């Protein structure tokens, strides 16, 4: 069973967050000034990537107003990061609590791609909320040390620990991937690209390295190459909903005319049904692939998967790669 990725890049997916906001949100009365001031501080820290600093403020906000769905999502994501700093039993409890918070936010109407992606990750966790990066004890220890350093924004220490994992297991996909992500967070995009490409060479059938790479390229405004990476991700794991939400976000970011929807996933809703989204599975539609992208698809046995409207069967139970690397907060 492949380990979960415990980071969720959201440079692209947050573009769609506003699309899924219910009008009811704007009809709600404004919070009291004290709550509003603390909410502003907490969300600012969260948006800056300082989730551990935001965590105690978010806990207070949820106690004061448990119906604030955006704060529920931010608290869930912050717990997700904090779980890397505690023992495995406590970490499992924190991840399961994060999942419950996201379910609560979903029932209150939050349908942001970020929340949906994080919930999908957590729904693939074992019952106790725990997971392993590697069956090898020394590799596992190095990876956990790297993740703990990453969650505290000590990216140099994280890279050092991932390097140790790679020394012990030279083709460890996740150690290479996370090294790239750490360089990415340091804004060393050249080194990050090298490591993302190395992770791709280690396993071309996992979507995550393509998607992380695309997220970084989008921040660099290299949108054409970002699109190509997302196409590669979709070819690698065509049933992974996170990939399709990322493609949707890419289209929105580019004001692209393409529409990519998954049945039951916002922002499709009724419009998706009108466009022909059936109960057995969604259609997908996007502009034609470039020649190089068609060649990639052809080599991998998929005939122009994005060049026309095409029905994708619903994912069979247990039919994916298990709780594979779905995403990870950045």
C-alpha atoms as a PDB file:
ATOM      1  CA  UNK A   1       0.000   0.000   0.000  1.00  0.00           C
ATOM      2  CA  UNK A   2       1.455   3.337  -1.042  1.00  0.00           C
ATOM      3  CA  UNK A   3       1.783   5.906   1.708  1.00  0.00           C
ATOM      4  CA  UNK A   4      -0.256   9.065   1.820  1.00  0.00           C
ATOM      5  CA  UNK A   5       1.279  12.382   0.889  1.00  0.00           C
ATOM      6  CA  UNK A   6       0.680  14.690   3.800  1.00  0.00           C
ATOM      7  CA  UNK A   7       0.916  17.947   1.916  1.00  0.00           C
ATOM      8  CA  UNK A   8      -1.660  19.478  -0.333  1.00  0.00           C
ATOM      9  CA  UNK A   9      -0.392  22.038  -2.835  1.00  0.00           C
ATOM     10  CA  UNK A  10      -3.148  24.536  -3.360  1.00  0.00           C
ATOM     11  CA  UNK A  11      -1.688  27.266  -5.511  1.00  0.00           C
ATOM     12  CA  UNK A  12      -4.030  26.312  -8.365  1.00  0.00           C
ATOM     13  CA  UNK A  13      -7.050  24.774  -6.637  1.00  0.00           C
ATOM     14  CA  UNK A  14      -7.747  27.836  -4.494  1.00  0.00           C
ATOM     15  CA  UNK A  15      -8.550  29.716  -7.695  1.00  0.00           C
ATOM     16  CA  UNK A  16     -11.857  27.848  -7.768  1.00  0.00           C
ATOM     17  CA  UNK A  17     -12.675  28.347  -4.103  1.00  0.00           C
ATOM     18  CA  UNK A  18     -14.856  31.363  -4.794  1.00  0.00           C
ATOM     19  CA  UNK A  19     -16.809  29.516  -7.487  1.00  0.00           C
ATOM     20  CA  UNK A  20     -18.292  27.113  -4.981  1.00  0.00           C
ATOM     21  CA  UNK A  21     -19.411  29.606  -2.328  1.00  0.00           C
ATOM     22  CA  UNK A  22     -23.114  29.390  -1.651  1.00  0.00           C
ATOM     23  CA  UNK A  23     -25.124  32.644  -1.774  1.00  0.00           C
ATOM     24  CA  UNK A  24     -26.295  31.839   1.741  1.00  0.00           C
ATOM     25  CA  UNK A  25     -22.846  32.790   3.007  1.00  0.00           C
ATOM     26  CA  UNK A  26     -23.387  36.395   2.035  1.00  0.00           C
ATOM     27  CA  UNK A  27     -26.800  36.499   3.698  1.00  0.00           C
ATOM     28  CA  UNK A  28     -25.396  35.573   7.092  1.00  0.00           C
ATOM     29  CA  UNK A  29     -25.063  38.323   9.717  1.00  0.00           C
ATOM     30  CA  UNK A  30     -21.583  39.711  10.195  1.00  0.00           C
ATOM     31  CA  UNK A  31     -19.689  38.262  13.159  1.00  0.00           C
ATOM     32  CA  UNK A  32     -18.998  40.391  16.197  1.00  0.00           C
ATOM     33  CA  UNK A  33     -15.897  42.647  15.977  1.00  0.00           C
ATOM     34  CA  UNK A  34     -13.811  40.549  18.389  1.00  0.00           C
ATOM     35  CA  UNK A  35     -14.522  37.356  16.470  1.00  0.00           C
ATOM     36  CA  UNK A  36     -13.910  39.099  13.161  1.00  0.00           C
ATOM     37  CA  UNK A  37     -10.532  40.469  14.273  1.00  0.00           C
ATOM     38  CA  UNK A  38      -9.342  37.070  15.502  1.00  0.00           C
ATOM     39  CA  UNK A  39     -10.686  35.419  12.358  1.00  0.00           C
ATOM     40  CA  UNK A  40      -8.677  37.850  10.218  1.00  0.00           C
ATOM     41  CA  UNK A  41      -5.480  37.081  12.169  1.00  0.00           C
ATOM     42  CA  UNK A  42      -6.002  33.332  11.930  1.00  0.00           C
ATOM     43  CA  UNK A  43      -6.798  33.298   8.214  1.00  0.00           C
ATOM     44  CA  UNK A  44      -3.845  35.574   7.455  1.00  0.00           C
ATOM     45  CA  UNK A  45      -1.476  33.175   9.226  1.00  0.00           C
ATOM     46  CA  UNK A  46      -3.059  30.233   7.431  1.00  0.00           C
ATOM     47  CA  UNK A  47      -2.738  31.865   4.018  1.00  0.00           C
ATOM     48  CA  UNK A  48       0.918  32.605   4.740  1.00  0.00           C
ATOM     49  CA  UNK A  49       1.485  28.895   5.329  1.00  0.00           C
ATOM     50  CA  UNK A  50       1.899  29.362   9.098  1.00  0.00           C
ATOM     51  CA  UNK A  51      -0.649  26.743  10.002  1.00  0.00           C
ATOM     52  CA  UNK A  52       0.883  25.706  13.305  1.00  0.00           C
ATOM     53  CA  UNK A  53       0.759  29.320  14.480  1.00  0.00           C
ATOM     54  CA  UNK A  54      -2.828  29.622  13.288  1.00  0.00           C
ATOM     55  CA  UNK A  55      -3.910  26.402  15.025  1.00  0.00           C
ATOM     56  CA  UNK A  56      -4.689  27.740  18.560  1.00  0.00           C
ATOM     57  CA  UNK A  57      -6.577  30.723  17.101  1.00  0.00           C
ATOM     58  CA  UNK A  58      -8.594  28.435  14.856  1.00  0.00           C
ATOM     59  CA  UNK A  59      -9.468  26.185  17.803  1.00  0.00           C
ATOM     60  CA  UNK A  60     -10.850  29.204  19.675  1.00  0.00           C
ATOM     61  CA  UNK A  61     -12.811  30.354  16.642  1.00  0.00           C
ATOM     62  CA  UNK A  62     -14.429  26.955  16.142  1.00  0.00           C
ATOM     63  CA  UNK A  63     -15.440  26.828  19.790  1.00  0.00           C
ATOM     64  CA  UNK A  64     -16.986  30.294  19.454  1.00  0.00           C
ATOM     65  CA  UNK A  65     -18.739  29.641  16.146  1.00  0.00           C
ATOM     66  CA  UNK A  66     -18.835  25.987  15.026  1.00  0.00           C
ATOM     67  CA  UNK A  67     -20.945  26.894  11.977  1.00  0.00           C
ATOM     68  CA  UNK A  68     -18.164  28.902  10.290  1.00  0.00           C
ATOM     69  CA  UNK A  69     -17.360  26.415   7.565  1.00  0.00           C
ATOM     70  CA  UNK A  70     -14.265  28.162   6.199  1.00  0.00           C
ATOM     71  CA  UNK A  71     -12.687  28.136   9.644  1.00  0.00           C
ATOM     72  CA  UNK A  72     -13.583  24.457  10.004  1.00  0.00           C
ATOM     73  CA  UNK A  73     -11.611  23.740   6.823  1.00  0.00           C
ATOM     74  CA  UNK A  74      -8.625  25.798   7.961  1.00  0.00           C
ATOM     75  CA  UNK A  75      -8.612  24.028  11.330  1.00  0.00           C
ATOM     76  CA  UNK A  76      -8.752  20.622   9.637  1.00  0.00           C
ATOM     77  CA  UNK A  77      -5.775  21.486   7.418  1.00  0.00           C
ATOM     78  CA  UNK A  78      -3.813  22.834  10.392  1.00  0.00           C
ATOM     79  CA  UNK A  79      -4.474  19.660  12.391  1.00  0.00           C
ATOM     80  CA  UNK A  80      -3.352  17.702   9.335  1.00  0.00           C
ATOM     81  CA  UNK A  81       0.036  19.439   9.544  1.00  0.00           C
ATOM     82  CA  UNK A  82       0.267  19.292  13.336  1.00  0.00           C
ATOM     83  CA  UNK A  83      -0.197  15.518  13.250  1.00  0.00           C
ATOM     84  CA  UNK A  84       3.358  15.258  11.914  1.00  0.00           C
ATOM     85  CA  UNK A  85       4.732  16.549  15.221  1.00  0.00           C
ATOM     86  CA  UNK A  86       3.067  14.166  17.676  1.00  0.00           C
ATOM     87  CA  UNK A  87       3.296  10.442  18.347  1.00  0.00           C
ATOM     88  CA  UNK A  88       1.572   8.132  15.891  1.00  0.00           C
ATOM     89  CA  UNK A  89      -1.432   7.370  18.073  1.00  0.00           C
ATOM     90  CA  UNK A  90      -2.131  11.054  18.713  1.00  0.00           C
ATOM     91  CA  UNK A  91      -1.463  11.814  15.046  1.00  0.00           C
ATOM     92  CA  UNK A  92      -4.101   9.286  14.012  1.00  0.00           C
ATOM     93  CA  UNK A  93      -6.653  10.939  16.292  1.00  0.00           C
ATOM     94  CA  UNK A  94      -5.856  14.378  14.893  1.00  0.00           C
ATOM     95  CA  UNK A  95      -6.282  13.218  11.305  1.00  0.00           C
ATOM     96  CA  UNK A  96      -9.591  11.558  12.091  1.00  0.00           C
ATOM     97  CA  UNK A  97     -10.755  14.740  13.804  1.00  0.00           C
ATOM     98  CA  UNK A  98      -9.682  16.715  10.738  1.00  0.00           C
ATOM     99  CA  UNK A  99     -11.794  14.408   8.592  1.00  0.00           C
ATOM    100  CA  UNK A 100     -14.818  14.968  10.853  1.00  0.00           C
ATOM    101  CA  UNK A 101     -14.334  18.751  10.636  1.00  0.00           C
ATOM    102  CA  UNK A 102     -14.256  18.590   6.852  1.00  0.00           C
ATOM    103  CA  UNK A 103     -17.414  16.487   6.791  1.00  0.00           C
ATOM    104  CA  UNK A 104     -19.062  19.064   9.019  1.00  0.00           C
ATOM    105  CA  UNK A 105     -17.945  21.869   6.702  1.00  0.00           C
ATOM    106  CA  UNK A 106     -19.225  19.943   3.697  1.00  0.00           C
ATOM    107  CA  UNK A 107     -22.639  19.510   5.303  1.00  0.00           C
ATOM    108  CA  UNK A 108     -22.690  23.247   5.954  1.00  0.00           C
ATOM    109  CA  UNK A 109     -22.136  23.835   2.241  1.00  0.00           C
ATOM    110  CA  UNK A 110     -18.371  24.157   1.812  1.00  0.00           C
ATOM    111  CA  UNK A 111     -17.505  22.742  -1.577  1.00  0.00           C
ATOM    112  CA  UNK A 112     -14.118  24.328  -2.187  1.00  0.00           C
ATOM    113  CA  UNK A 113     -11.673  22.186  -4.182  1.00  0.00           C
ATOM    114  CA  UNK A 114      -9.130  22.484  -1.361  1.00  0.00           C
ATOM    115  CA  UNK A 115     -11.572  21.035   1.203  1.00  0.00           C
ATOM    116  CA  UNK A 116     -12.735  18.300  -1.179  1.00  0.00           C
ATOM    117  CA  UNK A 117      -9.156  17.275  -1.952  1.00  0.00           C
ATOM    118  CA  UNK A 118      -8.156  17.141   1.696  1.00  0.00           C
ATOM    119  CA  UNK A 119     -11.279  15.152   2.575  1.00  0.00           C
ATOM    120  CA  UNK A 120     -10.455  12.675  -0.173  1.00  0.00           C
ATOM    121  CA  UNK A 121      -6.995  12.145   1.298  1.00  0.00           C
ATOM    122  CA  UNK A 122      -8.378  11.577   4.785  1.00  0.00           C
ATOM    123  CA  UNK A 123     -11.089   9.221   3.575  1.00  0.00           C
ATOM    124  CA  UNK A 124      -8.339   6.897   2.331  1.00  0.00           C
ATOM    125  CA  UNK A 125      -6.706   6.652   5.753  1.00  0.00           C
ATOM    126  CA  UNK A 126      -6.865   3.419   7.750  1.00  0.00           C
ATOM    127  CA  UNK A 127      -9.424   3.297  10.568  1.00  0.00           C
ATOM    128  CA  UNK A 128      -6.887   4.444  13.151  1.00  0.00           C
ATOM    129  CA  UNK A 129      -5.740   7.370  11.016  1.00  0.00           C
ATOM    130  CA  UNK A 130      -2.144   6.119  10.915  1.00  0.00           C
ATOM    131  CA  UNK A 131       0.065   5.320   7.927  1.00  0.00           C
ATOM    132  CA  UNK A 132       3.634   4.385   7.060  1.00  0.00           C
ATOM    133  CA  UNK A 133       6.036   5.862   4.536  1.00  0.00           C
ATOM    134  CA  UNK A 134       8.173   2.742   4.355  1.00  0.00           C
ATOM    135  CA  UNK A 135       8.350  -0.771   5.837  1.00  0.00           C
ATOM    136  CA  UNK A 136      12.016  -0.065   6.587  1.00  0.00           C
ATOM    137  CA  UNK A 137      12.354   1.399  10.078  1.00  0.00           C
ATOM    138  CA  UNK A 138      15.340   3.633   9.319  1.00  0.00           C
ATOM    139  CA  UNK A 139      13.729   5.039   6.162  1.00  0.00           C
ATOM    140  CA  UNK A 140      10.472   5.605   8.044  1.00  0.00           C
ATOM    141  CA  UNK A 141      12.289   7.515  10.775  1.00  0.00           C
ATOM    142  CA  UNK A 142      14.103   9.715   8.261  1.00  0.00           C
ATOM    143  CA  UNK A 143      10.895  10.475   6.378  1.00  0.00           C
ATOM    144  CA  UNK A 144       8.996  11.374   9.549  1.00  0.00           C
ATOM    145  CA  UNK A 145      11.832  13.603  10.687  1.00  0.00           C
ATOM    146  CA  UNK A 146      11.723  15.328   7.315  1.00  0.00           C
ATOM    147  CA  UNK A 147       7.971  15.806   7.498  1.00  0.00           C
ATOM    148  CA  UNK A 148       8.178  17.205  11.025  1.00  0.00           C
ATOM    149  CA  UNK A 149      10.811  19.717   9.893  1.00  0.00           C
ATOM    150  CA  UNK A 150       8.747  20.622   6.824  1.00  0.00           C
ATOM    151  CA  UNK A 151       5.632  21.294   8.905  1.00  0.00           C
ATOM    152  CA  UNK A 152       7.723  23.722  10.995  1.00  0.00           C
ATOM    153  CA  UNK A 153       8.976  25.406   7.795  1.00  0.00           C
ATOM    154  CA  UNK A 154      12.546  24.277   8.411  1.00  0.00           C
ATOM    155  CA  UNK A 155      13.032  23.288   4.792  1.00  0.00           C
ATOM    156  CA  UNK A 156      16.792  22.815   4.944  1.00  0.00           C
ATOM    157  CA  UNK A 157      16.410  20.297   7.768  1.00  0.00           C
ATOM    158  CA  UNK A 158      13.619  18.600   5.851  1.00  0.00           C
ATOM    159  CA  UNK A 159      15.838  18.252   2.767  1.00  0.00           C
ATOM    160  CA  UNK A 160      18.611  16.801   4.932  1.00  0.00           C
ATOM    161  CA  UNK A 161      16.287  14.111   6.309  1.00  0.00           C
ATOM    162  CA  UNK A 162      14.805  13.247   2.913  1.00  0.00           C
ATOM    163  CA  UNK A 163      18.372  12.931   1.687  1.00  0.00           C
ATOM    164  CA  UNK A 164      19.042  10.400   4.437  1.00  0.00           C
ATOM    165  CA  UNK A 165      15.975   8.423   3.361  1.00  0.00           C
ATOM    166  CA  UNK A 166      17.294   8.443  -0.201  1.00  0.00           C
ATOM    167  CA  UNK A 167      20.720   7.302   0.962  1.00  0.00           C
ATOM    168  CA  UNK A 168      19.059   4.327   2.632  1.00  0.00           C
ATOM    169  CA  UNK A 169      16.617   3.713  -0.221  1.00  0.00           C
ATOM    170  CA  UNK A 170      17.970   5.410  -3.375  1.00  0.00           C
ATOM    171  CA  UNK A 171      14.774   5.172  -5.446  1.00  0.00           C
ATOM    172  CA  UNK A 172      12.302   6.216  -2.777  1.00  0.00           C
ATOM    173  CA  UNK A 173       9.676   8.118  -4.770  1.00  0.00           C
ATOM    174  CA  UNK A 174       8.291  10.127  -1.876  1.00  0.00           C
ATOM    175  CA  UNK A 175      11.679  11.202  -0.570  1.00  0.00           C
ATOM    176  CA  UNK A 176      12.507  12.594  -4.030  1.00  0.00           C
ATOM    177  CA  UNK A 177       9.081  14.194  -4.361  1.00  0.00           C
ATOM    178  CA  UNK A 178       9.210  15.830  -0.943  1.00  0.00           C
ATOM    179  CA  UNK A 179      12.755  17.073  -1.566  1.00  0.00           C
ATOM    180  CA  UNK A 180      11.401  18.839  -4.630  1.00  0.00           C
ATOM    181  CA  UNK A 181       8.517  20.257  -2.624  1.00  0.00           C
ATOM    182  CA  UNK A 182      10.911  21.570   0.042  1.00  0.00           C
ATOM    183  CA  UNK A 183      13.016  23.342  -2.594  1.00  0.00           C
ATOM    184  CA  UNK A 184       9.770  24.628  -4.087  1.00  0.00           C
ATOM    185  CA  UNK A 185       8.854  26.192  -0.726  1.00  0.00           C
ATOM    186  CA  UNK A 186      12.308  27.773  -0.580  1.00  0.00           C
ATOM    187  CA  UNK A 187      11.538  29.335  -3.999  1.00  0.00           C
ATOM    188  CA  UNK A 188      14.498  27.451  -5.464  1.00  0.00           C
ATOM    189  CA  UNK A 189      12.483  26.497  -8.523  1.00  0.00           C
ATOM    190  CA  UNK A 190      15.417  25.153 -10.524  1.00  0.00           C
ATOM    191  CA  UNK A 191      16.309  22.585  -7.852  1.00  0.00           C
ATOM    192  CA  UNK A 192      12.633  21.817  -7.260  1.00  0.00           C
ATOM    193  CA  UNK A 193      12.113  21.055 -10.963  1.00  0.00           C
ATOM    194  CA  UNK A 194      15.114  18.712 -10.968  1.00  0.00           C
ATOM    195  CA  UNK A 195      13.725  16.762  -8.015  1.00  0.00           C
ATOM    196  CA  UNK A 196      10.179  16.635  -9.349  1.00  0.00           C
ATOM    197  CA  UNK A 197      11.564  15.238 -12.602  1.00  0.00           C
ATOM    198  CA  UNK A 198      13.612  12.698 -10.661  1.00  0.00           C
ATOM    199  CA  UNK A 199      10.490  11.558  -8.802  1.00  0.00           C
ATOM    200  CA  UNK A 200       8.698  11.205 -12.144  1.00  0.00           C
ATOM    201  CA  UNK A 201      11.507   8.968 -13.401  1.00  0.00           C
ATOM    202  CA  UNK A 202      11.187   6.822 -10.280  1.00  0.00           C
ATOM    203  CA  UNK A 203       7.475   6.156 -10.929  1.00  0.00           C
ATOM    204  CA  UNK A 204       5.626   7.596 -13.917  1.00  0.00           C
ATOM    205  CA  UNK A 205       2.339   6.023 -12.824  1.00  0.00           C
ATOM    206  CA  UNK A 206       1.809   8.202  -9.749  1.00  0.00           C
ATOM    207  CA  UNK A 207       0.178  11.521 -10.533  1.00  0.00           C
ATOM    208  CA  UNK A 208       1.516  13.568  -7.651  1.00  0.00           C
ATOM    209  CA  UNK A 209       4.909  14.634  -8.957  1.00  0.00           C
ATOM    210  CA  UNK A 210       3.325  15.914 -12.175  1.00  0.00           C
ATOM    211  CA  UNK A 211       0.746  17.834 -10.159  1.00  0.00           C
ATOM    212  CA  UNK A 212       3.257  19.363  -7.736  1.00  0.00           C
ATOM    213  CA  UNK A 213       5.360  20.381 -10.718  1.00  0.00           C
ATOM    214  CA  UNK A 214       2.308  21.937 -12.398  1.00  0.00           C
ATOM    215  CA  UNK A 215       1.471  23.875  -9.248  1.00  0.00           C
ATOM    216  CA  UNK A 216       4.964  25.370  -9.167  1.00  0.00           C
ATOM    217  CA  UNK A 217       4.929  26.150 -12.886  1.00  0.00           C
ATOM    218  CA  UNK A 218       1.602  27.961 -12.518  1.00  0.00           C
ATOM    219  CA  UNK A 219       3.089  30.158  -9.799  1.00  0.00           C
ATOM    220  CA  UNK A 220       5.915  30.954 -12.228  1.00  0.00           C
ATOM    221  CA  UNK A 221       3.266  31.810 -14.843  1.00  0.00           C
ATOM    222  CA  UNK A 222       4.452  28.960 -17.085  1.00  0.00           C
ATOM    223  CA  UNK A 223       0.890  27.945 -17.813  1.00  0.00           C
ATOM    224  CA  UNK A 224       1.446  25.944 -20.998  1.00  0.00           C
ATOM    225  CA  UNK A 225       3.949  23.626 -19.322  1.00  0.00           C
ATOM    226  CA  UNK A 226       1.728  23.440 -16.235  1.00  0.00           C
ATOM    227  CA  UNK A 227      -1.099  22.198 -18.461  1.00  0.00           C
ATOM    228  CA  UNK A 228       1.176  19.542 -19.951  1.00  0.00           C
ATOM    229  CA  UNK A 229       2.152  18.309 -16.482  1.00  0.00           C
ATOM    230  CA  UNK A 230      -1.509  18.075 -15.477  1.00  0.00           C
ATOM    231  CA  UNK A 231      -2.249  16.098 -18.648  1.00  0.00           C
ATOM    232  CA  UNK A 232       0.529  13.693 -17.646  1.00  0.00           C
ATOM    233  CA  UNK A 233      -1.064  13.451 -14.168  1.00  0.00           C
ATOM    234  CA  UNK A 234      -4.450  12.613 -15.680  1.00  0.00           C
ATOM    235  CA  UNK A 235      -2.895   9.939 -17.885  1.00  0.00           C
ATOM    236  CA  UNK A 236      -1.096   8.456 -14.871  1.00  0.00           C
ATOM    237  CA  UNK A 237      -4.204   8.320 -12.668  1.00  0.00           C
ATOM    238  CA  UNK A 238      -7.322   9.053 -14.735  1.00  0.00           C
ATOM    239  CA  UNK A 239      -9.720   8.221 -11.889  1.00  0.00           C
ATOM    240  CA  UNK A 240      -8.103  10.556  -9.373  1.00  0.00           C
ATOM    241  CA  UNK A 241     -10.564  13.380  -8.686  1.00  0.00           C
ATOM    242  CA  UNK A 242      -7.873  15.679  -7.317  1.00  0.00           C
ATOM    243  CA  UNK A 243      -6.210  15.776 -10.735  1.00  0.00           C
ATOM    244  CA  UNK A 244      -9.439  16.822 -12.447  1.00  0.00           C
ATOM    245  CA  UNK A 245     -10.081  19.561  -9.905  1.00  0.00           C
ATOM    246  CA  UNK A 246      -6.573  20.840 -10.617  1.00  0.00           C
ATOM    247  CA  UNK A 247      -7.275  20.817 -14.342  1.00  0.00           C
ATOM    248  CA  UNK A 248     -10.508  22.701 -13.711  1.00  0.00           C
ATOM    249  CA  UNK A 249      -8.583  25.258 -11.699  1.00  0.00           C
ATOM    250  CA  UNK A 250      -5.970  25.569 -14.430  1.00  0.00           C
ATOM    251  CA  UNK A 251      -8.755  26.258 -16.941  1.00  0.00           C
ATOM    252  CA  UNK A 252     -10.242  28.907 -14.665  1.00  0.00           C
ATOM    253  CA  UNK A 253      -6.856  30.506 -14.125  1.00  0.00           C
ATOM    254  CA  UNK A 254      -6.349  30.763 -17.864  1.00  0.00           C
ATOM    255  CA  UNK A 255      -9.958  31.838 -18.502  1.00  0.00           C
ATOM    256  CA  UNK A 256      -9.976  28.729 -20.645  1.00  0.00           C
ATOM    257  CA  UNK A 257     -13.185  27.756 -22.383  1.00  0.00           C
ATOM    258  CA  UNK A 258     -12.780  24.137 -21.362  1.00  0.00           C
ATOM    259  CA  UNK A 259     -15.016  22.696 -18.686  1.00  0.00           C
ATOM    260  CA  UNK A 260     -13.857  19.685 -16.703  1.00  0.00           C
ATOM    261  CA  UNK A 261     -16.352  18.274 -14.230  1.00  0.00           C
ATOM    262  CA  UNK A 262     -16.821  15.227 -12.092  1.00  0.00           C
ATOM    263  CA  UNK A 263     -20.391  14.150 -11.445  1.00  0.00           C
ATOM    264  CA  UNK A 264     -21.435  15.376  -8.021  1.00  0.00           C
ATOM    265  CA  UNK A 265     -18.410  17.662  -7.669  1.00  0.00           C
ATOM    266  CA  UNK A 266     -18.950  21.427  -7.678  1.00  0.00           C
ATOM    267  CA  UNK A 267     -19.056  23.576  -9.637  1.00  0.00           C
ATOM    268  CA  UNK A 268     -20.842  21.121 -11.961  1.00  0.00           C
ATOM    269  CA  UNK A 269     -24.129  20.610 -10.113  1.00  0.00           C
ATOM    270  CA  UNK A 270     -27.165  20.976 -12.335  1.00  0.00           C
ATOM    271  CA  UNK A 271     -25.083  22.346 -15.183  1.00  0.00           C
ATOM    272  CA  UNK A 272     -23.116  19.116 -15.250  1.00  0.00           C
ATOM    273  CA  UNK A 273     -26.320  17.117 -15.522  1.00  0.00           C
ATOM    274  CA  UNK A 274     -27.520  19.337 -18.387  1.00  0.00           C
ATOM    275  CA  UNK A 275     -24.256  18.739 -20.195  1.00  0.00           C
ATOM    276  CA  UNK A 276     -24.759  14.972 -20.026  1.00  0.00           C
ATOM    277  CA  UNK A 277     -23.219  13.894 -16.719  1.00  0.00           C
ATOM    278  CA  UNK A 278     -24.839  10.575 -15.917  1.00  0.00           C
ATOM    279  CA  UNK A 279     -25.060   8.498 -12.770  1.00  0.00           C
ATOM    280  CA  UNK A 280     -22.644   5.929 -14.173  1.00  0.00           C
ATOM    281  CA  UNK A 281     -19.849   8.468 -14.495  1.00  0.00           C
ATOM    282  CA  UNK A 282     -19.000  11.917 -15.811  1.00  0.00           C
ATOM    283  CA  UNK A 283     -18.042  13.162 -19.202  1.00  0.00           C
ATOM    284  CA  UNK A 284     -14.951  15.254 -19.518  1.00  0.00           C
ATOM    285  CA  UNK A 285     -14.319  17.870 -22.152  1.00  0.00           C
ATOM    286  CA  UNK A 286     -11.322  20.073 -22.814  1.00  0.00           C
ATOM    287  CA  UNK A 287      -9.501  21.635 -25.761  1.00  0.00           C
ATOM    288  CA  UNK A 288      -7.544  19.352 -28.051  1.00  0.00           C
ATOM    289  CA  UNK A 289      -4.153  18.100 -26.976  1.00  0.00           C
ATOM    290  CA  UNK A 290      -0.957  19.246 -28.582  1.00  0.00           C
ATOM    291  CA  UNK A 291       0.883  16.760 -30.784  1.00  0.00           C
ATOM    292  CA  UNK A 292       3.416  15.983 -28.034  1.00  0.00           C
ATOM    293  CA  UNK A 293       0.629  15.377 -25.518  1.00  0.00           C
ATOM    294  CA  UNK A 294      -1.164  13.069 -27.960  1.00  0.00           C
ATOM    295  CA  UNK A 295       2.068  11.138 -28.432  1.00  0.00           C
ATOM    296  CA  UNK A 296       2.422  10.707 -24.666  1.00  0.00           C
ATOM    297  CA  UNK A 297      -1.151   9.460 -24.415  1.00  0.00           C
ATOM    298  CA  UNK A 298      -0.666   7.119 -27.370  1.00  0.00           C
ATOM    299  CA  UNK A 299       2.506   5.594 -25.928  1.00  0.00           C
ATOM    300  CA  UNK A 300       0.659   4.917 -22.701  1.00  0.00           C
ATOM    301  CA  UNK A 301      -2.281   3.248 -24.412  1.00  0.00           C
ATOM    302  CA  UNK A 302      -4.826   6.041 -24.108  1.00  0.00           C
ATOM    303  CA  UNK A 303      -6.234   7.372 -27.362  1.00  0.00           C
ATOM    304  CA  UNK A 304      -6.535  11.156 -27.100  1.00  0.00           C
ATOM    305  CA  UNK A 305      -8.205  10.986 -23.656  1.00  0.00           C
ATOM    306  CA  UNK A 306      -8.921  14.707 -23.482  1.00  0.00           C
ATOM    307  CA  UNK A 307      -9.623  15.526 -27.104  1.00  0.00           C
ATOM    308  CA  UNK A 308     -13.329  14.772 -27.121  1.00  0.00           C
ATOM    309  CA  UNK A 309     -16.290  14.264 -24.844  1.00  0.00           C
ATOM    310  CA  UNK A 310     -15.874  10.841 -23.352  1.00  0.00           C
ATOM    311  CA  UNK A 311     -17.608   8.832 -20.661  1.00  0.00           C
ATOM    312  CA  UNK A 312     -15.398   7.691 -17.806  1.00  0.00           C
ATOM    313  CA  UNK A 313     -16.839   4.761 -15.821  1.00  0.00           C
ATOM    314  CA  UNK A 314     -17.327   5.331 -12.129  1.00  0.00           C
ATOM    315  CA  UNK A 315     -14.249   4.236 -10.200  1.00  0.00           C
ATOM    316  CA  UNK A 316     -14.766   0.693  -8.942  1.00  0.00           C
ATOM    317  CA  UNK A 317     -14.523   0.073  -5.223  1.00  0.00           C
ATOM    318  CA  UNK A 318     -10.919  -0.637  -4.388  1.00  0.00           C
ATOM    319  CA  UNK A 319      -9.996   0.016  -7.990  1.00  0.00           C
ATOM    320  CA  UNK A 320      -7.442   2.760  -7.465  1.00  0.00           C
ATOM    321  CA  UNK A 321      -3.924   2.533  -6.110  1.00  0.00           C
ATOM    322  CA  UNK A 322      -5.128   2.507  -2.526  1.00  0.00           C
ATOM    323  CA  UNK A 323      -4.457   5.494  -0.299  1.00  0.00           C
ATOM    324  CA  UNK A 324      -1.742   6.653  -2.659  1.00  0.00           C
ATOM    325  CA  UNK A 325      -0.133  10.040  -2.658  1.00  0.00           C
ATOM    326  CA  UNK A 326      -3.136  12.287  -3.237  1.00  0.00           C
ATOM    327  CA  UNK A 327      -1.814  15.656  -2.193  1.00  0.00           C
ATOM    328  CA  UNK A 328      -0.064  17.522   0.469  1.00  0.00           C
ATOM    329  CA  UNK A 329      -0.294  20.978   1.998  1.00  0.00           C
ATOM    330  CA  UNK A 330       2.322  23.482   0.979  1.00  0.00           C
END
